Amino acid sequence: MAQTIAKKFIDEISGQVSKLPKAPKLVGFLANDDPAAKLYADFTKKTTLECGFRFETREVKKDDLEEAIDDRINIYNNVWLWIDVL
């Protein structure tokens, strides 16, 4: 049942994203070695791609996280960007 509900939303989102000149890119930061966090990152990537977005996972040390986020913001300045810290 959950997949049926999710599919409706994924289809609606991917339909809207496909109308954009370029798909937005989501960047997820993985800042630890927890296998559950890696699994979450993989699931997030799968769903994001199904919705038509581009996705990038960046593995960083916890102490370097803020700098890594700042770097991505500077690279994608003036571009719609969602950052998810995993």
PDB file of N, CA and C in Angstrom:
ATOM      1  N   MET A   1       0.811  -1.200   0.000  1.00  0.00           N
ATOM      2  CA  MET A   1       0.000   0.000   0.000  1.00  0.00           C
ATOM      3  C   MET A   1       0.861   1.274   0.000  1.00  0.00           C
ATOM      4  N   ALA A   2       1.928   1.258   0.795  1.00  0.00           N
ATOM      5  CA  ALA A   2       2.801   2.435   0.859  1.00  0.00           C
ATOM      6  C   ALA A   2       3.418   2.732  -0.505  1.00  0.00           C
ATOM      7  N   GLN A   3       3.793   1.661  -1.228  1.00  0.00           N
ATOM      8  CA  GLN A   3       4.383   1.873  -2.553  1.00  0.00           C
ATOM      9  C   GLN A   3       3.372   2.483  -3.521  1.00  0.00           C
ATOM     10  N   THR A   4       2.120   2.094  -3.398  1.00  0.00           N
ATOM     11  CA  THR A   4       1.065   2.650  -4.256  1.00  0.00           C
ATOM     12  C   THR A   4       0.900   4.141  -3.992  1.00  0.00           C
ATOM     13  N   ILE A   5       0.894   4.507  -2.726  1.00  0.00           N
ATOM     14  CA  ILE A   5       0.770   5.927  -2.357  1.00  0.00           C
ATOM     15  C   ILE A   5       2.000   6.691  -2.822  1.00  0.00           C
ATOM     16  N   ALA A   6       3.184   6.138  -2.560  1.00  0.00           N
ATOM     17  CA  ALA A   6       4.425   6.807  -2.951  1.00  0.00           C
ATOM     18  C   ALA A   6       4.496   6.990  -4.465  1.00  0.00           C
ATOM     19  N   LYS A   7       4.057   5.980  -5.230  1.00  0.00           N
ATOM     20  CA  LYS A   7       4.120   6.068  -6.691  1.00  0.00           C
ATOM     21  C   LYS A   7       3.323   7.257  -7.217  1.00  0.00           C
ATOM     22  N   LYS A   8       2.175   7.525  -6.615  1.00  0.00           N
ATOM     23  CA  LYS A   8       1.380   8.677  -7.050  1.00  0.00           C
ATOM     24  C   LYS A   8       2.174   9.974  -6.891  1.00  0.00           C
ATOM     25  N   PHE A   9       2.838  10.120  -5.755  1.00  0.00           N
ATOM     26  CA  PHE A   9       3.620  11.330  -5.512  1.00  0.00           C
ATOM     27  C   PHE A   9       4.845  11.387  -6.421  1.00  0.00           C
ATOM     28  N   ILE A  10       5.515  10.256  -6.569  1.00  0.00           N
ATOM     29  CA  ILE A  10       6.697  10.211  -7.434  1.00  0.00           C
ATOM     30  C   ILE A  10       6.312  10.556  -8.864  1.00  0.00           C
ATOM     31  N   ASP A  11       5.205  10.010  -9.353  1.00  0.00           N
ATOM     32  CA  ASP A  11       4.753  10.312 -10.715  1.00  0.00           C
ATOM     33  C   ASP A  11       4.418  11.797 -10.864  1.00  0.00           C
ATOM     34  N   GLU A  12       3.763  12.366  -9.858  1.00  0.00           N
ATOM     35  CA  GLU A  12       3.409  13.782  -9.921  1.00  0.00           C
ATOM     36  C   GLU A  12       4.663  14.664  -9.908  1.00  0.00           C
ATOM     37  N   ILE A  13       5.589  14.353  -9.026  1.00  0.00           N
ATOM     38  CA  ILE A  13       6.820  15.144  -8.930  1.00  0.00           C
ATOM     39  C   ILE A  13       7.648  15.001 -10.198  1.00  0.00           C
ATOM     40  N   SER A  14       7.823  13.767 -10.678  1.00  0.00           N
ATOM     41  CA  SER A  14       8.643  13.572 -11.875  1.00  0.00           C
ATOM     42  C   SER A  14       8.014  14.254 -13.088  1.00  0.00           C
ATOM     43  N   GLY A  15       6.695  14.303 -13.128  1.00  0.00           N
ATOM     44  CA  GLY A  15       6.022  15.014 -14.214  1.00  0.00           C
ATOM     45  C   GLY A  15       6.333  16.500 -14.195  1.00  0.00           C
ATOM     46  N   GLN A  16       6.364  17.070 -13.018  1.00  0.00           N
ATOM     47  CA  GLN A  16       6.686  18.501 -12.900  1.00  0.00           C
ATOM     48  C   GLN A  16       8.171  18.760 -13.185  1.00  0.00           C
ATOM     49  N   VAL A  17       9.034  17.894 -12.659  1.00  0.00           N
ATOM     50  CA  VAL A  17      10.475  18.061 -12.864  1.00  0.00           C
ATOM     51  C   VAL A  17      10.815  17.940 -14.346  1.00  0.00           C
ATOM     52  N   SER A  18      10.130  17.054 -15.058  1.00  0.00           N
ATOM     53  CA  SER A  18      10.418  16.862 -16.482  1.00  0.00           C
ATOM     54  C   SER A  18      10.111  18.103 -17.311  1.00  0.00           C
ATOM     55  N   LYS A  19       9.309  19.002 -16.780  1.00  0.00           N
ATOM     56  CA  LYS A  19       8.971  20.240 -17.495  1.00  0.00           C
ATOM     57  C   LYS A  19      10.037  21.316 -17.325  1.00  0.00           C
ATOM     58  N   LEU A  20      10.949  21.109 -16.395  1.00  0.00           N
ATOM     59  CA  LEU A  20      12.002  22.095 -16.150  1.00  0.00           C
ATOM     60  C   LEU A  20      13.073  21.995 -17.229  1.00  0.00           C
ATOM     61  N   PRO A  21      13.752  23.112 -17.532  1.00  0.00           N
ATOM     62  CA  PRO A  21      14.812  23.055 -18.541  1.00  0.00           C
ATOM     63  C   PRO A  21      15.974  22.156 -18.107  1.00  0.00           C
ATOM     64  N   LYS A  22      16.217  22.065 -16.815  1.00  0.00           N
ATOM     65  CA  LYS A  22      17.277  21.213 -16.282  1.00  0.00           C
ATOM     66  C   LYS A  22      16.823  20.724 -14.908  1.00  0.00           C
ATOM     67  N   ALA A  23      17.000  19.450 -14.662  1.00  0.00           N
ATOM     68  CA  ALA A  23      16.561  18.889 -13.380  1.00  0.00           C
ATOM     69  C   ALA A  23      17.397  19.449 -12.233  1.00  0.00           C
ATOM     70  N   PRO A  24      16.753  19.812 -11.140  1.00  0.00           N
ATOM     71  CA  PRO A  24      17.508  20.271  -9.962  1.00  0.00           C
ATOM     72  C   PRO A  24      18.405  19.151  -9.439  1.00  0.00           C
ATOM     73  N   LYS A  25      19.492  19.548  -8.804  1.00  0.00           N
ATOM     74  CA  LYS A  25      20.435  18.583  -8.248  1.00  0.00           C
ATOM     75  C   LYS A  25      20.369  18.635  -6.728  1.00  0.00           C
ATOM     76  N   LEU A  26      20.201  17.493  -6.123  1.00  0.00           N
ATOM     77  CA  LEU A  26      20.220  17.386  -4.674  1.00  0.00           C
ATOM     78  C   LEU A  26      21.555  16.788  -4.265  1.00  0.00           C
ATOM     79  N   VAL A  27      22.142  17.351  -3.215  1.00  0.00           N
ATOM     80  CA  VAL A  27      23.422  16.876  -2.715  1.00  0.00           C
ATOM     81  C   VAL A  27      23.224  16.398  -1.285  1.00  0.00           C
ATOM     82  N   GLY A  28      23.585  15.142  -1.028  1.00  0.00           N
ATOM     83  CA  GLY A  28      23.515  14.590   0.315  1.00  0.00           C
ATOM     84  C   GLY A  28      24.918  14.420   0.863  1.00  0.00           C
ATOM     85  N   PHE A  29      25.110  14.804   2.101  1.00  0.00           N
ATOM     86  CA  PHE A  29      26.407  14.673   2.749  1.00  0.00           C
ATOM     87  C   PHE A  29      26.359  13.527   3.754  1.00  0.00           C
ATOM     88  N   LEU A  30      27.255  12.593   3.591  1.00  0.00           N
ATOM     89  CA  LEU A  30      27.377  11.471   4.496  1.00  0.00           C
ATOM     90  C   LEU A  30      28.599  11.735   5.368  1.00  0.00           C
ATOM     91  N   ALA A  31      28.354  12.022   6.661  1.00  0.00           N
ATOM     92  CA  ALA A  31      29.426  12.484   7.531  1.00  0.00           C
ATOM     93  C   ALA A  31      29.735  11.505   8.660  1.00  0.00           C
ATOM     94  N   ASN A  32      29.464  10.222   8.438  1.00  0.00           N
ATOM     95  CA  ASN A  32      29.842   9.209   9.422  1.00  0.00           C
ATOM     96  C   ASN A  32      29.909   7.850   8.734  1.00  0.00           C
ATOM     97  N   ASP A  33      30.353   6.849   9.468  1.00  0.00           N
ATOM     98  CA  ASP A  33      30.514   5.508   8.902  1.00  0.00           C
ATOM     99  C   ASP A  33      29.367   4.570   9.274  1.00  0.00           C
ATOM    100  N   ASP A  34      28.286   5.109   9.764  1.00  0.00           N
ATOM    101  CA  ASP A  34      27.153   4.302  10.197  1.00  0.00           C
ATOM    102  C   ASP A  34      26.514   3.620   8.977  1.00  0.00           C
ATOM    103  N   PRO A  35      26.448   2.288   8.969  1.00  0.00           N
ATOM    104  CA  PRO A  35      25.835   1.589   7.831  1.00  0.00           C
ATOM    105  C   PRO A  35      24.378   2.005   7.594  1.00  0.00           C
ATOM    106  N   ALA A  36      23.666   2.341   8.661  1.00  0.00           N
ATOM    107  CA  ALA A  36      22.272   2.784   8.502  1.00  0.00           C
ATOM    108  C   ALA A  36      22.212   4.114   7.755  1.00  0.00           C
ATOM    109  N   ALA A  37      23.169   4.996   8.014  1.00  0.00           N
ATOM    110  CA  ALA A  37      23.211   6.277   7.299  1.00  0.00           C
ATOM    111  C   ALA A  37      23.495   6.053   5.818  1.00  0.00           C
ATOM    112  N   LYS A  38      24.372   5.111   5.501  1.00  0.00           N
ATOM    113  CA  LYS A  38      24.676   4.785   4.108  1.00  0.00           C
ATOM    114  C   LYS A  38      23.435   4.215   3.417  1.00  0.00           C
ATOM    115  N   LEU A  39      22.716   3.349   4.120  1.00  0.00           N
ATOM    116  CA  LEU A  39      21.483   2.786   3.572  1.00  0.00           C
ATOM    117  C   LEU A  39      20.459   3.890   3.314  1.00  0.00           C
ATOM    118  N   TYR A  40      20.335   4.819   4.250  1.00  0.00           N
ATOM    119  CA  TYR A  40      19.426   5.958   4.087  1.00  0.00           C
ATOM    120  C   TYR A  40      19.847   6.797   2.877  1.00  0.00           C
ATOM    121  N   ALA A  41      21.150   7.029   2.737  1.00  0.00           N
ATOM    122  CA  ALA A  41      21.652   7.811   1.597  1.00  0.00           C
ATOM    123  C   ALA A  41      21.327   7.110   0.280  1.00  0.00           C
ATOM    124  N   ASP A  42      21.509   5.798   0.250  1.00  0.00           N
ATOM    125  CA  ASP A  42      21.202   5.039  -0.978  1.00  0.00           C
ATOM    126  C   ASP A  42      19.714   5.088  -1.304  1.00  0.00           C
ATOM    127  N   PHE A  43      18.870   4.965  -0.281  1.00  0.00           N
ATOM    128  CA  PHE A  43      17.427   5.029  -0.492  1.00  0.00           C
ATOM    129  C   PHE A  43      17.015   6.425  -0.967  1.00  0.00           C
ATOM    130  N   THR A  44      17.611   7.449  -0.352  1.00  0.00           N
ATOM    131  CA  THR A  44      17.327   8.833  -0.748  1.00  0.00           C
ATOM    132  C   THR A  44      17.709   9.049  -2.210  1.00  0.00           C
ATOM    133  N   LYS A  45      18.880   8.547  -2.598  1.00  0.00           N
ATOM    134  CA  LYS A  45      19.326   8.686  -3.990  1.00  0.00           C
ATOM    135  C   LYS A  45      18.346   7.997  -4.937  1.00  0.00           C
ATOM    136  N   LYS A  46      17.942   6.767  -4.603  1.00  0.00           N
ATOM    137  CA  LYS A  46      17.025   6.015  -5.462  1.00  0.00           C
ATOM    138  C   LYS A  46      15.716   6.778  -5.679  1.00  0.00           C
ATOM    139  N   THR A  47      15.130   7.258  -4.597  1.00  0.00           N
ATOM    140  CA  THR A  47      13.857   7.965  -4.697  1.00  0.00           C
ATOM    141  C   THR A  47      14.023   9.290  -5.426  1.00  0.00           C
ATOM    142  N   THR A  48      15.114   9.980  -5.150  1.00  0.00           N
ATOM    143  CA  THR A  48      15.381  11.258  -5.808  1.00  0.00           C
ATOM    144  C   THR A  48      15.498  11.077  -7.315  1.00  0.00           C
ATOM    145  N   LEU A  49      16.230  10.058  -7.737  1.00  0.00           N
ATOM    146  CA  LEU A  49      16.379   9.788  -9.168  1.00  0.00           C
ATOM    147  C   LEU A  49      15.047   9.397  -9.798  1.00  0.00           C
ATOM    148  N   GLU A  50      14.229   8.622  -9.071  1.00  0.00           N
ATOM    149  CA  GLU A  50      12.899   8.254  -9.575  1.00  0.00           C
ATOM    150  C   GLU A  50      12.034   9.492  -9.811  1.00  0.00           C
ATOM    151  N   CYS A  51      12.253  10.516  -9.010  1.00  0.00           N
ATOM    152  CA  CYS A  51      11.486  11.761  -9.152  1.00  0.00           C
ATOM    153  C   CYS A  51      12.031  12.650 -10.264  1.00  0.00           C
ATOM    154  N   GLY A  52      13.149  12.261 -10.873  1.00  0.00           N
ATOM    155  CA  GLY A  52      13.695  13.018 -11.991  1.00  0.00           C
ATOM    156  C   GLY A  52      14.770  14.020 -11.616  1.00  0.00           C
ATOM    157  N   PHE A  53      15.120  14.078 -10.339  1.00  0.00           N
ATOM    158  CA  PHE A  53      16.187  14.971  -9.901  1.00  0.00           C
ATOM    159  C   PHE A  53      17.539  14.320 -10.161  1.00  0.00           C
ATOM    160  N   ARG A  54      18.566  15.142 -10.187  1.00  0.00           N
ATOM    161  CA  ARG A  54      19.935  14.630 -10.171  1.00  0.00           C
ATOM    162  C   ARG A  54      20.333  14.533  -8.698  1.00  0.00           C
ATOM    163  N   PHE A  55      21.258  13.644  -8.371  1.00  0.00           N
ATOM    164  CA  PHE A  55      21.633  13.445  -6.970  1.00  0.00           C
ATOM    165  C   PHE A  55      23.115  13.143  -6.865  1.00  0.00           C
ATOM    166  N   GLU A  56      23.715  13.672  -5.834  1.00  0.00           N
ATOM    167  CA  GLU A  56      25.125  13.418  -5.564  1.00  0.00           C
ATOM    168  C   GLU A  56      25.292  13.167  -4.069  1.00  0.00           C
ATOM    169  N   THR A  57      25.974  12.085  -3.732  1.00  0.00           N
ATOM    170  CA  THR A  57      26.333  11.822  -2.338  1.00  0.00           C
ATOM    171  C   THR A  57      27.794  12.187  -2.165  1.00  0.00           C
ATOM    172  N   ARG A  58      28.067  12.996  -1.154  1.00  0.00           N
ATOM    173  CA  ARG A  58      29.443  13.396  -0.850  1.00  0.00           C
ATOM    174  C   ARG A  58      29.782  12.873   0.536  1.00  0.00           C
ATOM    175  N   GLU A  59      30.818  12.049   0.605  1.00  0.00           N
ATOM    176  CA  GLU A  59      31.267  11.530   1.883  1.00  0.00           C
ATOM    177  C   GLU A  59      32.351  12.451   2.427  1.00  0.00           C
ATOM    178  N   VAL A  60      32.134  12.948   3.639  1.00  0.00           N
ATOM    179  CA  VAL A  60      33.075  13.879   4.268  1.00  0.00           C
ATOM    180  C   VAL A  60      33.262  13.493   5.737  1.00  0.00           C
ATOM    181  N   LYS A  61      34.356  13.949   6.294  1.00  0.00           N
ATOM    182  CA  LYS A  61      34.564  13.776   7.727  1.00  0.00           C
ATOM    183  C   LYS A  61      33.645  14.745   8.461  1.00  0.00           C
ATOM    184  N   LYS A  62      33.182  14.322   9.619  1.00  0.00           N
ATOM    185  CA  LYS A  62      32.249  15.151  10.390  1.00  0.00           C
ATOM    186  C   LYS A  62      32.817  16.550  10.629  1.00  0.00           C
ATOM    187  N   ASP A  63      34.107  16.629  10.925  1.00  0.00           N
ATOM    188  CA  ASP A  63      34.732  17.926  11.191  1.00  0.00           C
ATOM    189  C   ASP A  63      34.821  18.812   9.955  1.00  0.00           C
ATOM    190  N   ASP A  64      34.701  18.218   8.781  1.00  0.00           N
ATOM    191  CA  ASP A  64      34.793  18.978   7.525  1.00  0.00           C
ATOM    192  C   ASP A  64      33.432  19.280   6.912  1.00  0.00           C
ATOM    193  N   LEU A  65      32.365  18.895   7.612  1.00  0.00           N
ATOM    194  CA  LEU A  65      31.025  19.000   7.049  1.00  0.00           C
ATOM    195  C   LEU A  65      30.637  20.431   6.694  1.00  0.00           C
ATOM    196  N   GLU A  66      30.820  21.360   7.610  1.00  0.00           N
ATOM    197  CA  GLU A  66      30.417  22.739   7.350  1.00  0.00           C
ATOM    198  C   GLU A  66      31.154  23.314   6.148  1.00  0.00           C
ATOM    199  N   GLU A  67      32.443  23.055   6.061  1.00  0.00           N
ATOM    200  CA  GLU A  67      33.227  23.555   4.930  1.00  0.00           C
ATOM    201  C   GLU A  67      32.762  22.919   3.617  1.00  0.00           C
ATOM    202  N   ALA A  68      32.442  21.621   3.661  1.00  0.00           N
ATOM    203  CA  ALA A  68      31.968  20.925   2.456  1.00  0.00           C
ATOM    204  C   ALA A  68      30.641  21.512   1.973  1.00  0.00           C
ATOM    205  N   ILE A  69      29.755  21.820   2.915  1.00  0.00           N
ATOM    206  CA  ILE A  69      28.472  22.427   2.548  1.00  0.00           C
ATOM    207  C   ILE A  69      28.707  23.808   1.938  1.00  0.00           C
ATOM    208  N   ASP A  70      29.570  24.606   2.574  1.00  0.00           N
ATOM    209  CA  ASP A  70      29.888  25.935   2.039  1.00  0.00           C
ATOM    210  C   ASP A  70      30.458  25.836   0.624  1.00  0.00           C
ATOM    211  N   ASP A  71      31.334  24.857   0.406  1.00  0.00           N
ATOM    212  CA  ASP A  71      31.928  24.674  -0.928  1.00  0.00           C
ATOM    213  C   ASP A  71      30.854  24.391  -1.975  1.00  0.00           C
ATOM    214  N   ARG A  72      29.910  23.496  -1.651  1.00  0.00           N
ATOM    215  CA  ARG A  72      28.842  23.171  -2.595  1.00  0.00           C
ATOM    216  C   ARG A  72      27.959  24.392  -2.859  1.00  0.00           C
ATOM    217  N   ILE A  73      27.663  25.139  -1.821  1.00  0.00           N
ATOM    218  CA  ILE A  73      26.841  26.342  -1.999  1.00  0.00           C
ATOM    219  C   ILE A  73      27.548  27.323  -2.918  1.00  0.00           C
ATOM    220  N   ASN A  74      28.840  27.494  -2.734  1.00  0.00           N
ATOM    221  CA  ASN A  74      29.593  28.414  -3.590  1.00  0.00           C
ATOM    222  C   ASN A  74      29.625  27.928  -5.038  1.00  0.00           C
ATOM    223  N   ILE A  75      29.748  26.630  -5.230  1.00  0.00           N
ATOM    224  CA  ILE A  75      29.780  26.076  -6.589  1.00  0.00           C
ATOM    225  C   ILE A  75      28.428  26.262  -7.276  1.00  0.00           C
ATOM    226  N   TYR A  76      27.358  26.019  -6.534  1.00  0.00           N
ATOM    227  CA  TYR A  76      26.025  26.083  -7.114  1.00  0.00           C
ATOM    228  C   TYR A  76      25.308  27.394  -6.812  1.00  0.00           C
ATOM    229  N   ASN A  77      26.054  28.424  -6.480  1.00  0.00           N
ATOM    230  CA  ASN A  77      25.443  29.722  -6.182  1.00  0.00           C
ATOM    231  C   ASN A  77      24.526  30.130  -7.340  1.00  0.00           C
ATOM    232  N   ASN A  78      23.350  30.617  -6.980  1.00  0.00           N
ATOM    233  CA  ASN A  78      22.328  31.019  -7.947  1.00  0.00           C
ATOM    234  C   ASN A  78      21.675  29.846  -8.659  1.00  0.00           C
ATOM    235  N   VAL A  79      21.835  28.645  -8.121  1.00  0.00           N
ATOM    236  CA  VAL A  79      21.169  27.460  -8.647  1.00  0.00           C
ATOM    237  C   VAL A  79      20.376  26.859  -7.505  1.00  0.00           C
ATOM    238  N   TRP A  80      19.145  26.422  -7.808  1.00  0.00           N
ATOM    239  CA  TRP A  80      18.322  25.810  -6.770  1.00  0.00           C
ATOM    240  C   TRP A  80      19.020  24.558  -6.273  1.00  0.00           C
ATOM    241  N   LEU A  81      19.238  24.470  -4.960  1.00  0.00           N
ATOM    242  CA  LEU A  81      19.998  23.364  -4.391  1.00  0.00           C
ATOM    243  C   LEU A  81      19.411  22.966  -3.065  1.00  0.00           C
ATOM    244  N   TRP A  82      19.208  21.686  -2.867  1.00  0.00           N
ATOM    245  CA  TRP A  82      18.761  21.156  -1.580  1.00  0.00           C
ATOM    246  C   TRP A  82      19.893  20.318  -1.031  1.00  0.00           C
ATOM    247  N   ILE A  83      20.261  20.572   0.210  1.00  0.00           N
ATOM    248  CA  ILE A  83      21.321  19.823   0.847  1.00  0.00           C
ATOM    249  C   ILE A  83      20.719  19.039   1.998  1.00  0.00           C
ATOM    250  N   ASP A  84      20.948  17.747   2.010  1.00  0.00           N
ATOM    251  CA  ASP A  84      20.456  16.882   3.075  1.00  0.00           C
ATOM    252  C   ASP A  84      21.647  16.292   3.780  1.00  0.00           C
ATOM    253  N   VAL A  85      21.786  16.552   5.059  1.00  0.00           N
ATOM    254  CA  VAL A  85      22.883  15.983   5.838  1.00  0.00           C
ATOM    255  C   VAL A  85      22.415  14.631   6.334  1.00  0.00           C
ATOM    256  N   LEU A  86      23.105  13.589   5.909  1.00  0.00           N
ATOM    257  CA  LEU A  86      22.697  12.222   6.229  1.00  0.00           C
ATOM    258  C   LEU A  86      23.513  11.673   7.374  1.00  0.00           C
TER     259      LEU A  86
END
